[in-house]
Protein backbone atom coordinates (compact mmCIF):
# COMPACT_ATOMS: atom_id res chain seq x y z
CA MET A 1 0.00 0.00 0.00
CA GLU A 2 1.41 3.38 -1.06
CA LEU A 3 0.57 6.41 1.07
CA PRO A 4 0.12 9.94 -0.31
CA ALA A 5 3.25 12.08 0.10
CA ASP A 6 1.56 14.55 2.47
CA VAL A 7 0.49 11.70 4.75
CA LYS A 8 3.99 10.19 4.76
CA LYS A 9 5.44 13.47 6.01
CA LYS A 10 3.23 13.30 9.11
CA LEU A 11 4.26 9.79 10.10
CA THR A 12 6.52 9.54 13.16
CA LEU A 13 7.04 5.77 12.78
CA PRO A 14 7.85 3.62 9.74
CA PHE A 15 4.69 2.66 7.86
CA GLU A 16 5.87 -0.73 6.64
CA GLU A 17 4.78 -3.70 8.76
CA HIS A 18 6.91 -6.76 9.51
CA PHE A 19 4.65 -8.11 12.28
CA TYR A 20 1.64 -9.64 10.62
CA ALA A 21 -2.01 -9.94 11.61
CA GLY A 22 -3.21 -13.31 12.82
CA HIS A 23 -0.76 -13.67 15.71
CA THR A 24 -2.00 -15.18 18.96
CA ALA A 25 -1.39 -12.37 21.47
CA CYS A 26 -4.11 -11.45 23.96
CA GLN A 27 -6.02 -8.22 23.38
CA GLY A 28 -4.08 -5.22 24.62
CA CYS A 29 -0.80 -7.15 24.85
CA GLY A 30 2.09 -4.77 25.49
CA ALA A 31 4.68 -7.34 24.42
CA ALA A 32 3.10 -7.75 20.98
CA LEU A 33 3.04 -3.99 20.52
CA GLY A 34 6.69 -3.71 21.53
CA LEU A 35 7.73 -6.49 19.16
CA ARG A 36 5.89 -4.72 16.35
CA TYR A 37 7.91 -1.55 17.03
CA VAL A 38 11.20 -3.45 16.95
CA LEU A 39 10.31 -5.01 13.61
CA LYS A 40 9.37 -1.57 12.27
CA ALA A 41 12.72 -0.18 13.39
CA TYR A 42 14.88 -2.86 11.80
CA GLY A 43 12.71 -4.00 8.90
CA GLY A 44 13.94 -7.23 7.39
CA LYS A 45 17.53 -6.66 8.56
CA ALA A 46 17.36 -8.43 11.92
CA ILE A 47 17.75 -11.94 13.29
CA PHE A 48 15.71 -12.65 16.42
CA THR A 49 16.17 -15.04 19.31
CA ILE A 50 13.13 -15.63 21.52
CA PRO A 51 13.28 -18.05 24.47
CA ALA A 52 10.38 -19.76 26.20
CA CYS A 53 7.89 -16.96 26.93
CA CYS A 54 4.60 -15.49 25.69
CA SER A 55 6.32 -14.25 22.54
CA THR A 56 7.12 -17.76 21.33
CA ILE A 57 3.37 -18.38 21.28
CA ILE A 58 2.58 -14.95 19.83
CA ALA A 59 4.99 -15.50 16.94
CA GLY A 60 2.99 -18.58 15.97
CA PRO A 61 3.40 -22.37 16.03
CA TRP A 62 5.46 -24.08 13.32
CA PRO A 63 5.12 -23.88 10.32
CA TYR A 64 3.48 -20.46 10.76
CA THR A 65 4.96 -17.20 11.97
CA ALA A 66 3.79 -13.61 12.44
CA LEU A 67 7.34 -12.24 12.13
CA ASN A 68 8.86 -11.25 8.81
CA ALA A 69 12.36 -12.00 10.08
CA PRO A 70 14.63 -15.00 10.79
CA LEU A 71 13.76 -16.32 14.24
CA PHE A 72 15.34 -18.81 16.65
CA HIS A 73 13.14 -20.29 19.38
CA THR A 74 15.50 -21.26 22.19
CA ALA A 75 15.56 -22.62 25.72
CA PHE A 76 14.45 -20.38 28.58
CA GLU A 77 17.88 -19.48 29.94
CA THR A 78 19.87 -19.15 26.70
CA THR A 79 19.01 -15.81 25.06
CA GLY A 80 22.31 -14.11 25.89
CA ALA A 81 24.32 -17.14 24.76
CA VAL A 82 22.42 -17.59 21.50
CA ILE A 83 22.68 -13.97 20.35
CA SER A 84 26.39 -14.13 21.20
CA GLY A 85 26.78 -17.17 18.96
CA ILE A 86 24.75 -15.69 16.10
CA GLU A 87 26.81 -12.49 16.17
CA ALA A 88 30.09 -14.41 16.18
CA ALA A 89 28.95 -16.69 13.34
CA LEU A 90 27.84 -13.76 11.16
CA LYS A 91 31.21 -12.07 11.61
CA ALA A 92 33.06 -15.32 10.86
CA LYS A 93 31.09 -15.57 7.61
CA GLY A 94 32.03 -12.03 6.67
CA TYR A 95 28.67 -10.34 7.25
CA LYS A 96 28.46 -6.81 8.59
CA VAL A 97 26.77 -6.67 12.00
CA LYS A 98 25.02 -3.51 13.19
CA GLY A 99 25.05 -0.17 11.39
CA GLU A 100 22.44 1.16 8.96
CA ASP A 101 23.35 -1.44 6.31
CA GLY A 102 24.29 -4.25 8.70
CA ILE A 103 22.38 -7.10 10.33
CA MET A 104 20.93 -6.54 13.80
CA VAL A 105 21.07 -9.49 16.18
CA VAL A 106 18.22 -9.13 18.67
CA GLY A 107 17.44 -11.11 21.80
CA TRP A 108 13.81 -10.65 22.86
CA ALA A 109 13.04 -12.14 26.28
CA GLY A 110 10.62 -11.58 29.14
CA ASP A 111 11.51 -10.59 32.69
CA GLY A 112 11.44 -14.18 33.92
CA GLY A 113 13.83 -15.29 31.18
CA THR A 114 16.08 -12.30 31.87
CA ALA A 115 15.98 -11.24 35.52
CA ASP A 116 15.84 -14.82 36.81
CA ILE A 117 16.49 -17.80 34.55
CA GLY A 118 18.58 -16.03 31.91
CA LEU A 119 20.64 -13.69 34.09
CA GLN A 120 23.87 -15.69 33.78
CA ALA A 121 23.73 -15.76 29.96
CA LEU A 122 22.87 -12.05 29.86
CA SER A 123 25.91 -11.30 32.03
CA GLY A 124 28.16 -13.31 29.73
CA PHE A 125 26.86 -11.54 26.63
CA LEU A 126 27.53 -8.13 28.19
CA GLU A 127 30.94 -9.03 29.62
CA ARG A 128 32.22 -10.43 26.30
CA GLY A 129 31.20 -7.29 24.43
CA HIS A 130 29.17 -8.75 21.57
CA ASP A 131 27.66 -6.47 18.90
CA ALA A 132 24.03 -7.35 19.60
CA LEU A 133 20.93 -6.01 21.32
CA TYR A 134 19.16 -7.68 24.24
CA ILE A 135 15.59 -6.45 24.89
CA MET A 136 13.86 -7.45 28.11
CA TYR A 137 10.13 -6.89 27.70
CA ASP A 138 9.02 -6.39 31.27
CA ASN A 139 5.49 -7.48 32.17
CA GLU A 140 6.55 -8.20 35.74
CA ALA A 141 5.68 -11.90 36.06
CA TYR A 142 5.84 -15.29 34.34
CA MET A 143 2.72 -14.69 32.26
CA ASN A 144 3.05 -17.58 29.79
CA THR A 145 3.06 -20.26 32.49
CA GLY A 146 0.23 -18.92 34.64
CA ILE A 147 1.04 -15.47 36.09
CA GLN A 148 3.62 -16.55 38.66
CA ARG A 149 5.80 -13.92 40.34
CA SER A 150 9.28 -13.16 39.04
CA SER A 151 11.99 -11.07 40.65
CA SER A 152 10.64 -8.21 38.51
CA THR A 153 7.22 -8.38 40.20
CA PRO A 154 6.66 -5.23 42.29
CA TYR A 155 5.91 -5.07 45.99
CA GLY A 156 2.20 -5.51 46.75
CA ALA A 157 1.25 -7.22 43.48
CA TRP A 158 -1.08 -10.19 43.22
CA THR A 159 0.13 -13.21 41.26
CA THR A 160 -0.99 -16.84 41.39
CA ASN A 161 1.75 -17.65 43.90
CA THR A 162 1.53 -14.35 45.80
CA PRO A 163 -2.24 -14.30 46.32
CA GLY A 164 -4.23 -11.64 48.15
CA GLY A 165 -7.14 -11.98 50.53
CA LYS A 166 -7.59 -12.42 54.27
CA LYS A 167 -4.14 -13.95 54.63
CA HIS A 168 -2.06 -11.16 53.17
CA PHE A 169 0.48 -13.01 50.98
CA LEU A 170 1.02 -10.41 48.24
CA GLU A 171 4.51 -9.92 46.79
CA GLN A 172 6.72 -8.73 49.63
CA ARG A 173 10.00 -8.13 47.79
CA PRO A 174 10.94 -5.01 45.80
CA LYS A 175 11.30 -5.17 42.03
CA LYS A 176 14.79 -6.25 40.95
CA LYS A 177 16.69 -3.42 39.22
CA VAL A 178 17.89 -5.36 36.19
CA ILE A 179 18.99 -2.21 34.39
CA ASP A 180 21.41 -1.47 37.26
CA ILE A 181 22.86 -4.98 37.03
CA VAL A 182 23.36 -4.44 33.30
CA ILE A 183 25.02 -1.04 33.82
CA ALA A 184 27.43 -2.65 36.31
CA HIS A 185 28.88 -4.48 33.26
CA LYS A 186 29.66 -1.11 31.59
CA PRO A 187 27.84 -1.89 28.32
CA ALA A 188 28.07 0.32 25.25
CA TYR A 189 24.45 1.37 25.71
CA ALA A 190 21.58 0.68 28.11
CA ALA A 191 18.15 2.26 28.32
CA THR A 192 14.61 1.91 29.59
CA ALA A 193 11.67 2.34 27.23
CA SER A 194 7.88 2.03 27.21
CA VAL A 195 5.26 0.94 24.69
CA ALA A 196 3.43 4.19 25.54
CA TYR A 197 6.22 6.24 23.96
CA PRO A 198 6.99 4.61 20.59
CA GLU A 199 9.05 7.51 19.19
CA ASP A 200 11.35 7.39 22.22
CA PHE A 201 11.62 3.59 21.92
CA MET A 202 12.32 3.82 18.18
CA ARG A 203 15.08 6.38 18.76
CA LYS A 204 16.72 4.09 21.31
CA LEU A 205 16.48 1.12 18.95
CA LYS A 206 18.23 3.17 16.26
CA LYS A 207 20.93 4.23 18.71
CA ALA A 208 21.52 0.59 19.70
CA GLN A 209 21.94 -0.15 15.99
CA THR A 210 24.75 2.36 15.50
CA ILE A 211 26.76 1.92 18.71
CA LYS A 212 29.53 -0.68 18.70
CA GLY A 213 29.27 -3.20 21.51
CA PRO A 214 26.48 -4.75 23.59
CA ALA A 215 23.22 -2.86 24.04
CA PHE A 216 20.33 -3.52 26.41
CA ILE A 217 16.81 -2.07 26.57
CA GLN A 218 14.30 -2.77 29.35
CA LEU A 219 10.86 -2.26 27.81
CA PHE A 220 7.81 -1.69 30.02
CA ALA A 221 5.04 -3.83 28.49
CA PRO A 222 1.72 -4.12 30.40
CA CYS A 223 -0.09 -7.47 30.40
CA PRO A 224 -3.89 -7.04 30.75
CA THR A 225 -4.34 -10.76 31.45
CA GLY A 226 -1.82 -10.90 34.29
CA TRP A 227 -2.38 -7.40 35.59
CA ARG A 228 -6.17 -7.77 35.64
CA SER A 229 -6.52 -4.53 33.69
CA PRO A 230 -8.90 -3.47 30.88
CA THR A 231 -7.49 -4.32 27.46
CA ASP A 232 -8.03 -0.75 26.24
CA LYS A 233 -5.97 0.74 29.10
CA THR A 234 -2.55 -0.68 28.17
CA ILE A 235 -1.15 2.60 26.85
CA GLU A 236 -2.67 4.68 29.66
CA ILE A 237 -1.17 2.36 32.29
CA ALA A 238 2.23 2.38 30.59
CA ARG A 239 2.14 6.18 30.35
CA LEU A 240 1.23 6.53 34.04
CA ALA A 241 4.11 4.23 34.98
CA VAL A 242 6.43 6.85 33.52
CA GLN A 243 4.54 9.91 34.78
CA THR A 244 4.51 8.59 38.37
CA ALA A 245 8.25 7.75 38.14
CA TYR A 246 7.41 4.09 38.78
CA PHE A 247 9.23 3.34 35.53
CA PRO A 248 11.23 6.41 34.46
CA LEU A 249 12.79 6.52 31.00
CA PHE A 250 16.53 7.09 30.84
CA GLU A 251 19.70 6.19 28.94
CA TYR A 252 23.20 5.14 29.94
CA GLU A 253 25.98 5.72 27.41
CA ASN A 254 29.74 6.05 27.88
CA GLY A 255 29.34 6.18 31.65
CA LYS A 256 26.77 8.98 31.53
CA TYR A 257 23.10 8.99 32.53
CA LYS A 258 20.40 10.97 30.75
CA ILE A 259 16.80 11.12 32.00
CA ASN A 260 14.23 11.28 29.19
CA MET A 261 10.99 11.51 31.19
CA PRO A 262 9.34 12.44 33.46
CA SER A 263 11.02 15.79 33.82
CA PRO A 264 13.40 15.85 36.82
CA ASN A 265 12.16 19.39 37.53
CA LYS A 266 8.54 18.37 38.12
CA GLU A 267 6.83 16.37 40.85
CA PRO A 268 5.74 12.92 39.60
CA LYS A 269 2.05 12.09 39.67
CA PRO A 270 0.79 10.14 42.72
CA LEU A 271 1.52 6.42 42.34
CA GLU A 272 -2.09 5.52 43.18
CA GLU A 273 -3.16 6.80 39.73
CA PHE A 274 -1.08 3.99 38.23
CA LEU A 275 -2.12 1.34 40.74
CA LYS A 276 -5.90 1.86 40.64
CA LEU A 277 -6.23 0.78 36.99
CA GLN A 278 -4.89 -2.71 37.76
CA GLY A 279 -6.69 -5.49 39.58
CA ARG A 280 -3.39 -7.04 40.67
CA PHE A 281 -3.02 -4.22 43.21
CA LYS A 282 -6.57 -4.30 44.58
CA TYR A 283 -5.58 -6.14 47.77
CA MET A 284 -3.04 -3.50 48.80
CA THR A 285 -3.75 -1.68 52.04
CA LYS A 286 -3.16 2.02 52.53
CA GLU A 287 0.10 1.15 54.28
CA ASP A 288 1.16 -1.05 51.34
CA ILE A 289 0.55 1.80 48.89
CA GLU A 290 2.51 4.22 51.07
CA THR A 291 5.40 1.75 51.27
CA LEU A 292 5.54 1.35 47.49
CA GLN A 293 5.19 5.11 46.95
CA GLU A 294 8.13 5.75 49.27
CA TRP A 295 10.22 3.17 47.43
CA VAL A 296 9.38 4.69 44.03
CA LEU A 297 10.28 8.23 45.12
CA ARG A 298 13.51 7.03 46.73
CA GLU A 299 14.55 5.28 43.52
CA TRP A 300 13.58 8.38 41.51
CA GLU A 301 15.76 10.62 43.66
CA GLU A 302 18.63 8.17 43.29
CA LEU A 303 18.30 8.25 39.48
CA LYS A 304 18.20 12.05 39.43
CA LYS A 305 21.41 12.16 41.48
CA LYS A 306 23.11 9.77 39.05
CA ALA A 307 22.07 11.99 36.12
CA GLU A 308 23.31 15.06 37.98
CA VAL A 309 26.68 13.59 38.92
CA PHE A 310 27.28 11.39 35.86
CA GLY A 311 25.31 13.36 33.27
C-alpha cells in the first residue's frame, strides 16, 4: 500500500509492517506492541532469538509465523548465549553486524527469562562485548506459564503464587533493578523504554543499531491478562508508569546517565493513579501503597542524582 506524500510526512514511525495480523497475542498485549515496534525499526535486517515466553506463542506455532524476520526459538535461559553465537557466526562468515546497512542481532526475552532464569547468559553476553541487542520486555511476572511472580514483580502485586485476601500473601520483595545490574557491566548502551512512547523507543532502537558493543533495553510492556486490567488501558497504564516515576525513562551511554521523562524538575504524579487501573493491586492496604510510593520516590531521587553527577 502506497501512502500519499503529504500523509507520509506526518508519520513519526515507519509505515511498513513486519509483524503480521493473525498472531496469537491477547487483546491489549504490550509485548506484541513492543515487538511490532522493533520489527518496524529494523525492517527485514534483523535476526531474532526468543526463548520460552509469551512471545514464542505470539509469533505462531510451526510452520506459521507472524514475524517477517529470521527467528530462533531457544531454551528459557539461553538468550544471551544464542545472540552471542549468532553475532560471532555472522562475523566469521564475513557479514556486517550492526550499522544502517548491517544485520541486527536481537534477543527478545521476558523478565522471567532475563531477571531470573537467563541472568547468567545475559551477564556473559555483556561481559564479552558482543555487537548485539538484548531487549527485556518487562510485564513483571511469568505470564506464559500462569502469572507466577518473578523477581521483577513489584511489591504488593497479586500473582498466582503471591495471592491476596484475608491472609495477606502479596509480593513482599521489591522489584529487581535489572537495568542497574546491566550497567554494572559497563555496556556500550543501556536504556529503559515504554510501549506508551513509541518515538522514544524507536530512537533508542536506532541508537543501539549504530553503537559498537552490547546494548540492552528494558521495555515496560503491560499485560492485561496478568495485571487484571482493561485491554483498552494498556497505553494509559504504561504512560502513568512513567509519569509517576514508577518506571522512568533514561539512557546510559559512555558512563553517563540521561533522563528522558518524566522531567526531573517536576513532581511525579501520585503512584495511586497507576495502581488503581490494575486489579493485581486491589488487595493492597493504605500502608502497602505508602510503602511502594516511598520506594518509588527514593529510587527516583537516586536516578536524578546519578544523572546530575554522571550526566
